[in-house]
Amino acid sequence: MSEMQGFILHAKTRPEKSDAFEAFFSRHVEASRAEPGCIEYHMLRDKQDPSLFIFYEIWQSQAHLDVHSNLPHMKQFLDQRDEYLERDFEIRAIEMISPPSNSR
């Protein structure tokens, strides 16, 4: 079994806050991708429900994910999420079966 840690997170925003959520969080995507241990990091927006954002993340280990989760900008986001969200995150742990896209 792999040490990699992966999850899919659903963030259901308040419709009037969806664009602000996208603007607020999209600037963290590139920074997160540059962190040690980040294998995949994607922010997606549902086409049928534009107030639903989906995050797809794969980290090399739990230790790398823990570092990421405790960075100042991530703590700030966690503290401010209720301002944007209709309900708290829905998170599903996943196991990566296919090789990462950057392993080609």
Protein backbone atom coordinates (compact mmCIF):
# COMPACT_ATOMS: atom_id res chain seq x y z
CA MET A 1 0.00 0.00 0.00
CA SER A 2 1.26 3.43 -0.94
CA GLU A 3 2.27 6.06 1.59
CA MET A 4 0.78 8.70 -0.73
CA GLN A 5 -2.16 10.61 0.67
CA GLY A 6 -4.93 11.64 -1.67
CA PHE A 7 -8.37 13.10 -1.38
CA ILE A 8 -11.16 14.77 -3.24
CA LEU A 9 -12.71 17.70 -1.44
CA HIS A 10 -16.05 19.29 -2.30
CA ALA A 11 -16.51 22.93 -1.32
CA LYS A 12 -20.12 24.03 -1.72
CA THR A 13 -20.06 27.82 -1.73
CA ARG A 14 -22.84 30.27 -1.19
CA PRO A 15 -23.89 31.24 -4.74
CA GLU A 16 -23.22 34.94 -4.14
CA LYS A 17 -19.73 34.10 -2.82
CA SER A 18 -18.65 31.65 -5.55
CA ASP A 19 -16.62 34.09 -7.63
CA ALA A 20 -14.99 35.56 -4.51
CA PHE A 21 -14.10 32.03 -3.36
CA GLU A 22 -12.52 31.28 -6.72
CA ALA A 23 -10.50 34.51 -6.65
CA PHE A 24 -9.46 33.98 -3.03
CA PHE A 25 -8.38 30.38 -3.35
CA SER A 26 -7.06 30.15 -6.90
CA ARG A 27 -3.95 32.11 -5.94
CA HIS A 28 -3.00 29.26 -3.57
CA VAL A 29 -3.00 26.60 -6.29
CA GLU A 30 0.40 27.40 -7.83
CA ALA A 31 1.97 27.87 -4.41
CA SER A 32 0.63 24.50 -3.29
CA ARG A 33 1.88 22.80 -6.45
CA ALA A 34 5.37 24.12 -5.72
CA GLU A 35 5.46 22.67 -2.20
CA PRO A 36 7.68 19.67 -1.50
CA GLY A 37 5.68 16.45 -1.68
CA CYS A 38 2.87 17.80 -3.87
CA ILE A 39 2.20 15.28 -6.64
CA GLU A 40 -1.16 16.57 -7.94
CA TYR A 41 -3.15 19.66 -6.95
CA HIS A 42 -6.18 20.78 -8.91
CA MET A 43 -9.02 23.21 -8.26
CA LEU A 44 -12.09 22.47 -10.39
CA ARG A 45 -15.49 24.12 -10.77
CA ASP A 46 -18.59 22.11 -11.56
CA LYS A 47 -20.23 23.19 -14.85
CA GLN A 48 -23.76 22.25 -13.77
CA ASP A 49 -23.42 23.87 -10.34
CA PRO A 50 -20.91 26.73 -10.44
CA SER A 51 -21.15 27.11 -6.67
CA LEU A 52 -19.48 23.69 -6.26
CA PHE A 53 -15.68 23.54 -6.27
CA ILE A 54 -13.78 20.27 -6.28
CA PHE A 55 -10.20 19.89 -5.15
CA TYR A 56 -8.13 16.89 -6.20
CA GLU A 57 -4.92 16.50 -4.24
CA ILE A 58 -2.22 13.84 -4.03
CA TRP A 59 0.64 14.23 -1.57
CA GLN A 60 3.77 12.11 -1.29
CA SER A 61 3.09 11.37 2.39
CA GLN A 62 0.98 12.33 5.37
CA ALA A 63 3.92 14.37 6.64
CA HIS A 64 3.92 16.48 3.45
CA LEU A 65 0.15 16.97 3.70
CA ASP A 66 0.49 17.98 7.36
CA VAL A 67 3.09 20.62 6.47
CA HIS A 68 0.83 21.94 3.70
CA SER A 69 -2.22 22.05 5.99
CA ASN A 70 -0.32 24.04 8.62
CA LEU A 71 1.10 26.75 6.35
CA PRO A 72 -0.12 30.26 7.24
CA HIS A 73 -2.18 30.74 4.05
CA MET A 74 -3.93 27.40 4.54
CA LYS A 75 -4.70 28.16 8.19
CA GLN A 76 -6.06 31.55 7.09
CA PHE A 77 -8.26 29.84 4.52
CA LEU A 78 -9.55 27.32 7.07
CA ASP A 79 -10.34 30.15 9.49
CA GLN A 80 -12.21 32.12 6.79
CA ARG A 81 -13.97 29.28 4.97
CA ASP A 82 -17.35 29.82 6.66
CA GLU A 83 -17.51 33.24 5.01
CA TYR A 84 -17.69 31.49 1.61
CA LEU A 85 -19.23 28.07 2.22
CA GLU A 86 -22.82 26.96 2.39
CA ARG A 87 -21.71 23.90 4.39
CA ASP A 88 -18.39 22.54 5.54
CA PHE A 89 -16.16 20.51 3.26
CA GLU A 90 -17.01 17.01 2.14
CA ILE A 91 -13.75 15.08 1.98
CA ARG A 92 -13.15 11.61 0.51
CA ALA A 93 -9.86 9.86 0.98
CA ILE A 94 -8.71 8.20 -2.23
CA GLU A 95 -5.99 5.79 -3.23
CA MET A 96 -4.01 6.62 -6.32
CA ILE A 97 -3.86 3.59 -8.62
CA SER A 98 -2.53 5.05 -11.86
CA PRO A 99 0.87 6.76 -11.91
CA PRO A 100 1.00 10.53 -11.36
CA SER A 101 0.75 12.67 -14.48
CA ASN A 102 4.27 14.04 -13.94
CA SER A 103 5.81 10.54 -13.98
CA ARG A 104 5.65 10.20 -17.78
